[in-house]
PDB file of N, CA and C in Angstrom:
ATOM      1  N   MET A   1      15.460 -89.364 -35.549  1.00  0.00           N
ATOM      2  CA  MET A   1      14.157 -88.935 -35.856  1.00  0.00           C
ATOM      3  C   MET A   1      13.271 -90.089 -36.373  1.00  0.00           C
ATOM      4  N   THR A   2      12.098 -90.182 -35.508  1.00  0.00           N
ATOM      5  CA  THR A   2      10.981 -91.210 -36.139  1.00  0.00           C
ATOM      6  C   THR A   2      10.261 -90.813 -37.019  1.00  0.00           C
ATOM      7  N   ASN A   3       9.864 -91.639 -38.173  1.00  0.00           N
ATOM      8  CA  ASN A   3       8.710 -91.401 -39.053  1.00  0.00           C
ATOM      9  C   ASN A   3       7.579 -91.885 -38.545  1.00  0.00           C
ATOM     10  N   THR A   4       6.817 -91.030 -37.929  1.00  0.00           N
ATOM     11  CA  THR A   4       5.320 -91.492 -37.872  1.00  0.00           C
ATOM     12  C   THR A   4       4.466 -90.855 -38.561  1.00  0.00           C
ATOM     13  N   PRO A   5       3.556 -91.862 -39.195  1.00  0.00           N
ATOM     14  CA  PRO A   5       2.861 -91.308 -40.279  1.00  0.00           C
ATOM     15  C   PRO A   5       1.487 -90.617 -39.650  1.00  0.00           C
ATOM     16  N   LYS A   6       1.048 -89.665 -40.382  1.00  0.00           N
ATOM     17  CA  LYS A   6      -0.135 -88.772 -39.567  1.00  0.00           C
ATOM     18  C   LYS A   6      -1.274 -89.025 -40.368  1.00  0.00           C
ATOM     19  N   ASN A   7      -2.192 -89.737 -39.553  1.00  0.00           N
ATOM     20  CA  ASN A   7      -3.762 -90.325 -40.291  1.00  0.00           C
ATOM     21  C   ASN A   7      -4.776 -89.361 -40.159  1.00  0.00           C
ATOM     22  N   ASP A   8      -4.555 -88.161 -39.839  1.00  0.00           N
ATOM     23  CA  ASP A   8      -5.488 -86.927 -39.624  1.00  0.00           C
ATOM     24  C   ASP A   8      -5.448 -86.250 -40.853  1.00  0.00           C
ATOM     25  N   ARG A   9      -4.520 -86.278 -41.869  1.00  0.00           N
ATOM     26  CA  ARG A   9      -4.417 -85.128 -42.947  1.00  0.00           C
ATOM     27  C   ARG A   9      -5.612 -85.553 -43.742  1.00  0.00           C
ATOM     28  N   SER A  10      -5.999 -84.381 -44.652  1.00  0.00           N
ATOM     29  CA  SER A  10      -7.240 -84.580 -45.510  1.00  0.00           C
ATOM     30  C   SER A  10      -6.778 -85.258 -47.058  1.00  0.00           C
ATOM     31  N   THR A  11      -7.512 -85.772 -47.738  1.00  0.00           N
ATOM     32  CA  THR A  11      -7.267 -86.465 -48.948  1.00  0.00           C
ATOM     33  C   THR A  11      -7.787 -85.391 -49.884  1.00  0.00           C
ATOM     34  N   ARG A  12      -7.606 -84.072 -49.558  1.00  0.00           N
ATOM     35  CA  ARG A  12      -7.925 -82.921 -50.719  1.00  0.00           C
ATOM     36  C   ARG A  12      -6.614 -82.717 -51.088  1.00  0.00           C
ATOM     37  N   ARG A  13      -6.495 -82.624 -52.693  1.00  0.00           N
ATOM     38  CA  ARG A  13      -5.282 -82.006 -53.222  1.00  0.00           C
ATOM     39  C   ARG A  13      -4.888 -80.641 -52.895  1.00  0.00           C
ATOM     40  N   PRO A  14      -3.579 -80.071 -52.724  1.00  0.00           N
ATOM     41  CA  PRO A  14      -3.331 -79.034 -52.393  1.00  0.00           C
ATOM     42  C   PRO A  14      -3.735 -77.790 -53.548  1.00  0.00           C
ATOM     43  N   ASP A  15      -4.068 -76.680 -53.060  1.00  0.00           N
ATOM     44  CA  ASP A  15      -4.253 -75.445 -54.021  1.00  0.00           C
ATOM     45  C   ASP A  15      -3.257 -75.094 -54.962  1.00  0.00           C
ATOM     46  N   CYS A  16      -2.052 -75.107 -53.951  1.00  0.00           N
ATOM     47  CA  CYS A  16      -0.594 -74.701 -54.866  1.00  0.00           C
ATOM     48  C   CYS A  16       0.451 -75.374 -54.341  1.00  0.00           C
ATOM     49  N   VAL A  17       1.507 -75.784 -55.092  1.00  0.00           N
ATOM     50  CA  VAL A  17       2.344 -76.568 -54.539  1.00  0.00           C
ATOM     51  C   VAL A  17       3.811 -75.664 -55.308  1.00  0.00           C
ATOM     52  N   THR A  18       4.825 -75.278 -54.326  1.00  0.00           N
ATOM     53  CA  THR A  18       6.069 -74.628 -54.860  1.00  0.00           C
ATOM     54  C   THR A  18       7.014 -75.623 -54.467  1.00  0.00           C
ATOM     55  N   GLU A  19       8.192 -75.674 -55.488  1.00  0.00           N
ATOM     56  CA  GLU A  19       9.282 -76.408 -55.225  1.00  0.00           C
ATOM     57  C   GLU A  19      10.423 -75.712 -55.135  1.00  0.00           C
ATOM     58  N   ILE A  20      11.397 -75.549 -54.273  1.00  0.00           N
ATOM     59  CA  ILE A  20      12.495 -75.249 -54.349  1.00  0.00           C
ATOM     60  C   ILE A  20      13.824 -75.794 -54.057  1.00  0.00           C
ATOM     61  N   ARG A  21      14.551 -75.822 -54.743  1.00  0.00           N
ATOM     62  CA  ARG A  21      15.967 -76.480 -55.020  1.00  0.00           C
ATOM     63  C   ARG A  21      17.008 -75.803 -54.031  1.00  0.00           C
ATOM     64  N   ILE A  22      17.485 -76.300 -53.274  1.00  0.00           N
ATOM     65  CA  ILE A  22      18.323 -75.546 -52.231  1.00  0.00           C
ATOM     66  C   ILE A  22      19.811 -76.805 -52.436  1.00  0.00           C
ATOM     67  N   GLY A  23      20.669 -76.500 -53.194  1.00  0.00           N
ATOM     68  CA  GLY A  23      21.710 -77.789 -53.456  1.00  0.00           C
ATOM     69  C   GLY A  23      21.169 -78.635 -53.798  1.00  0.00           C
ATOM     70  N   ASN A  24      21.224 -79.860 -53.179  1.00  0.00           N
ATOM     71  CA  ASN A  24      20.693 -81.116 -53.513  1.00  0.00           C
ATOM     72  C   ASN A  24      19.530 -81.501 -53.080  1.00  0.00           C
ATOM     73  N   SER A  25      19.145 -80.599 -52.320  1.00  0.00           N
ATOM     74  CA  SER A  25      17.937 -80.853 -51.653  1.00  0.00           C
ATOM     75  C   SER A  25      16.680 -80.198 -52.287  1.00  0.00           C
ATOM     76  N   VAL A  26      15.568 -80.394 -52.236  1.00  0.00           N
ATOM     77  CA  VAL A  26      14.317 -80.047 -52.781  1.00  0.00           C
ATOM     78  C   VAL A  26      13.187 -79.838 -51.860  1.00  0.00           C
ATOM     79  N   LEU A  27      12.900 -78.664 -51.620  1.00  0.00           N
ATOM     80  CA  LEU A  27      11.752 -78.173 -50.702  1.00  0.00           C
ATOM     81  C   LEU A  27      10.431 -78.006 -51.163  1.00  0.00           C
ATOM     82  N   VAL A  28       9.520 -78.844 -50.653  1.00  0.00           N
ATOM     83  CA  VAL A  28       8.160 -79.058 -51.299  1.00  0.00           C
ATOM     84  C   VAL A  28       7.269 -78.296 -50.364  1.00  0.00           C
ATOM     85  N   VAL A  29       6.454 -77.256 -50.885  1.00  0.00           N
ATOM     86  CA  VAL A  29       5.637 -76.486 -49.853  1.00  0.00           C
ATOM     87  C   VAL A  29       4.207 -76.401 -50.577  1.00  0.00           C
ATOM     88  N   SER A  30       3.354 -77.158 -49.968  1.00  0.00           N
ATOM     89  CA  SER A  30       1.814 -77.275 -50.180  1.00  0.00           C
ATOM     90  C   SER A  30       0.888 -76.050 -49.880  1.00  0.00           C
ATOM     91  N   GLY A  31       0.251 -75.430 -50.390  1.00  0.00           N
ATOM     92  CA  GLY A  31      -0.764 -74.450 -49.960  1.00  0.00           C
ATOM     93  C   GLY A  31      -2.297 -74.988 -50.192  1.00  0.00           C
ATOM     94  N   PHE A  32      -2.849 -74.523 -49.234  1.00  0.00           N
ATOM     95  CA  PHE A  32      -4.696 -74.886 -49.042  1.00  0.00           C
ATOM     96  C   PHE A  32      -5.168 -73.504 -48.923  1.00  0.00           C
ATOM     97  N   PHE A  33      -6.269 -73.182 -49.625  1.00  0.00           N
ATOM     98  CA  PHE A  33      -7.118 -72.230 -49.384  1.00  0.00           C
ATOM     99  C   PHE A  33      -8.378 -72.834 -48.514  1.00  0.00           C
ATOM    100  N   LYS A  34      -9.214 -71.591 -48.058  1.00  0.00           N
ATOM    101  CA  LYS A  34     -10.247 -72.192 -47.450  1.00  0.00           C
ATOM    102  C   LYS A  34     -11.270 -72.742 -48.346  1.00  0.00           C
ATOM    103  N   GLN A  35     -12.140 -73.726 -47.959  1.00  0.00           N
ATOM    104  CA  GLN A  35     -13.064 -74.252 -48.870  1.00  0.00           C
ATOM    105  C   GLN A  35     -13.938 -73.295 -49.424  1.00  0.00           C
ATOM    106  N   GLY A  36     -14.482 -72.234 -48.775  1.00  0.00           N
ATOM    107  CA  GLY A  36     -15.283 -71.426 -49.292  1.00  0.00           C
ATOM    108  C   GLY A  36     -14.660 -69.990 -49.938  1.00  0.00           C
ATOM    109  N   ALA A  37     -13.419 -70.304 -50.214  1.00  0.00           N
ATOM    110  CA  ALA A  37     -12.616 -69.045 -50.609  1.00  0.00           C
ATOM    111  C   ALA A  37     -12.792 -68.270 -52.032  1.00  0.00           C
ATOM    112  N   THR A  38     -12.819 -67.194 -52.313  1.00  0.00           N
ATOM    113  CA  THR A  38     -12.977 -66.708 -53.849  1.00  0.00           C
ATOM    114  C   THR A  38     -11.787 -66.155 -54.353  1.00  0.00           C
ATOM    115  N   ASP A  39     -10.810 -65.930 -53.457  1.00  0.00           N
ATOM    116  CA  ASP A  39      -9.276 -65.533 -53.941  1.00  0.00           C
ATOM    117  C   ASP A  39      -8.773 -66.614 -54.681  1.00  0.00           C
ATOM    118  N   THR A  40      -7.940 -66.224 -55.650  1.00  0.00           N
ATOM    119  CA  THR A  40      -7.142 -67.236 -56.359  1.00  0.00           C
ATOM    120  C   THR A  40      -5.687 -67.048 -55.942  1.00  0.00           C
ATOM    121  N   ALA A  41      -4.867 -67.988 -56.507  1.00  0.00           N
ATOM    122  CA  ALA A  41      -3.399 -67.877 -55.629  1.00  0.00           C
ATOM    123  C   ALA A  41      -2.847 -66.682 -56.513  1.00  0.00           C
ATOM    124  N   ALA A  42      -3.302 -65.975 -57.616  1.00  0.00           N
ATOM    125  CA  ALA A  42      -2.727 -64.947 -58.087  1.00  0.00           C
ATOM    126  C   ALA A  42      -3.191 -63.909 -57.286  1.00  0.00           C
ATOM    127  N   ASP A  43      -4.563 -63.853 -57.042  1.00  0.00           N
ATOM    128  CA  ASP A  43      -5.264 -62.786 -56.233  1.00  0.00           C
ATOM    129  C   ASP A  43      -4.192 -62.543 -54.865  1.00  0.00           C
ATOM    130  N   LYS A  44      -3.985 -63.516 -54.447  1.00  0.00           N
ATOM    131  CA  LYS A  44      -3.321 -63.724 -52.912  1.00  0.00           C
ATOM    132  C   LYS A  44      -1.616 -62.968 -53.210  1.00  0.00           C
ATOM    133  N   MET A  45      -1.354 -63.591 -54.311  1.00  0.00           N
ATOM    134  CA  MET A  45       0.164 -62.948 -54.599  1.00  0.00           C
ATOM    135  C   MET A  45       0.362 -61.622 -54.830  1.00  0.00           C
ATOM    136  N   MET A  46      -0.736 -60.902 -55.526  1.00  0.00           N
ATOM    137  CA  MET A  46      -0.958 -59.593 -55.871  1.00  0.00           C
ATOM    138  C   MET A  46      -0.826 -58.750 -54.534  1.00  0.00           C
ATOM    139  N   LYS A  47      -1.766 -59.478 -53.636  1.00  0.00           N
ATOM    140  CA  LYS A  47      -1.672 -58.716 -52.303  1.00  0.00           C
ATOM    141  C   LYS A  47      -0.427 -58.520 -51.613  1.00  0.00           C
ATOM    142  N   VAL A  48       0.377 -59.694 -51.523  1.00  0.00           N
ATOM    143  CA  VAL A  48       1.553 -59.912 -51.236  1.00  0.00           C
ATOM    144  C   VAL A  48       2.398 -58.795 -51.573  1.00  0.00           C
ATOM    145  N   LEU A  49       2.592 -58.673 -53.040  1.00  0.00           N
ATOM    146  CA  LEU A  49       3.414 -57.698 -53.749  1.00  0.00           C
ATOM    147  C   LEU A  49       3.177 -56.145 -53.397  1.00  0.00           C
ATOM    148  N   GLU A  50       1.582 -55.995 -53.579  1.00  0.00           N
ATOM    149  CA  GLU A  50       1.164 -54.610 -53.101  1.00  0.00           C
ATOM    150  C   GLU A  50       1.778 -54.373 -51.892  1.00  0.00           C
ATOM    151  N   ALA A  51       1.626 -55.069 -50.791  1.00  0.00           N
ATOM    152  CA  ALA A  51       2.291 -54.811 -49.263  1.00  0.00           C
ATOM    153  C   ALA A  51       3.732 -54.822 -49.286  1.00  0.00           C
ATOM    154  N   GLU A  52       4.404 -55.416 -50.183  1.00  0.00           N
ATOM    155  CA  GLU A  52       5.719 -55.196 -49.989  1.00  0.00           C
ATOM    156  C   GLU A  52       6.254 -54.133 -50.978  1.00  0.00           C
ATOM    157  N   ALA A  53       5.516 -53.665 -51.777  1.00  0.00           N
ATOM    158  CA  ALA A  53       5.764 -52.289 -52.450  1.00  0.00           C
ATOM    159  C   ALA A  53       5.783 -51.261 -51.621  1.00  0.00           C
ATOM    160  N   ALA A  54       4.410 -51.250 -50.674  1.00  0.00           N
ATOM    161  CA  ALA A  54       4.292 -50.214 -49.824  1.00  0.00           C
ATOM    162  C   ALA A  54       5.222 -50.179 -48.866  1.00  0.00           C
ATOM    163  N   THR A  55       5.969 -50.957 -48.529  1.00  0.00           N
ATOM    164  CA  THR A  55       7.055 -50.982 -47.447  1.00  0.00           C
ATOM    165  C   THR A  55       8.387 -50.542 -47.894  1.00  0.00           C
ATOM    166  N   GLN A  56       8.480 -50.640 -49.339  1.00  0.00           N
ATOM    167  CA  GLN A  56       9.796 -50.299 -49.880  1.00  0.00           C
ATOM    168  C   GLN A  56       9.889 -48.931 -50.002  1.00  0.00           C
ATOM    169  N   LYS A  57      11.178 -48.304 -49.664  1.00  0.00           N
ATOM    170  CA  LYS A  57      11.579 -47.004 -49.879  1.00  0.00           C
ATOM    171  C   LYS A  57      12.136 -47.031 -51.176  1.00  0.00           C
ATOM    172  N   THR A  58      11.683 -45.710 -52.035  1.00  0.00           N
ATOM    173  CA  THR A  58      12.393 -45.581 -53.306  1.00  0.00           C
ATOM    174  C   THR A  58      13.868 -45.235 -53.369  1.00  0.00           C
ATOM    175  N   ALA A  59      14.985 -45.483 -53.901  1.00  0.00           N
ATOM    176  CA  ALA A  59      16.087 -44.834 -53.987  1.00  0.00           C
ATOM    177  C   ALA A  59      16.401 -43.777 -54.760  1.00  0.00           C
ATOM    178  N   ILE A  60      16.816 -42.582 -54.432  1.00  0.00           N
ATOM    179  CA  ILE A  60      17.218 -41.319 -55.383  1.00  0.00           C
ATOM    180  C   ILE A  60      18.424 -41.366 -55.626  1.00  0.00           C
TER     181      ILE A  60
END
């Protein structure tokens, strides 16, 4: 695998960063919101959780 640098990347810092450890590896995921967005990361996560809850069936 060749390591080619990407010169077209933005110098803007990510709006959210998540690190997940899997064994001896660490996966780093960076997220960006649109420049004019008014939603926060918490707002977006709440929408994800609401959509997830709407699709779950309750166990009796």
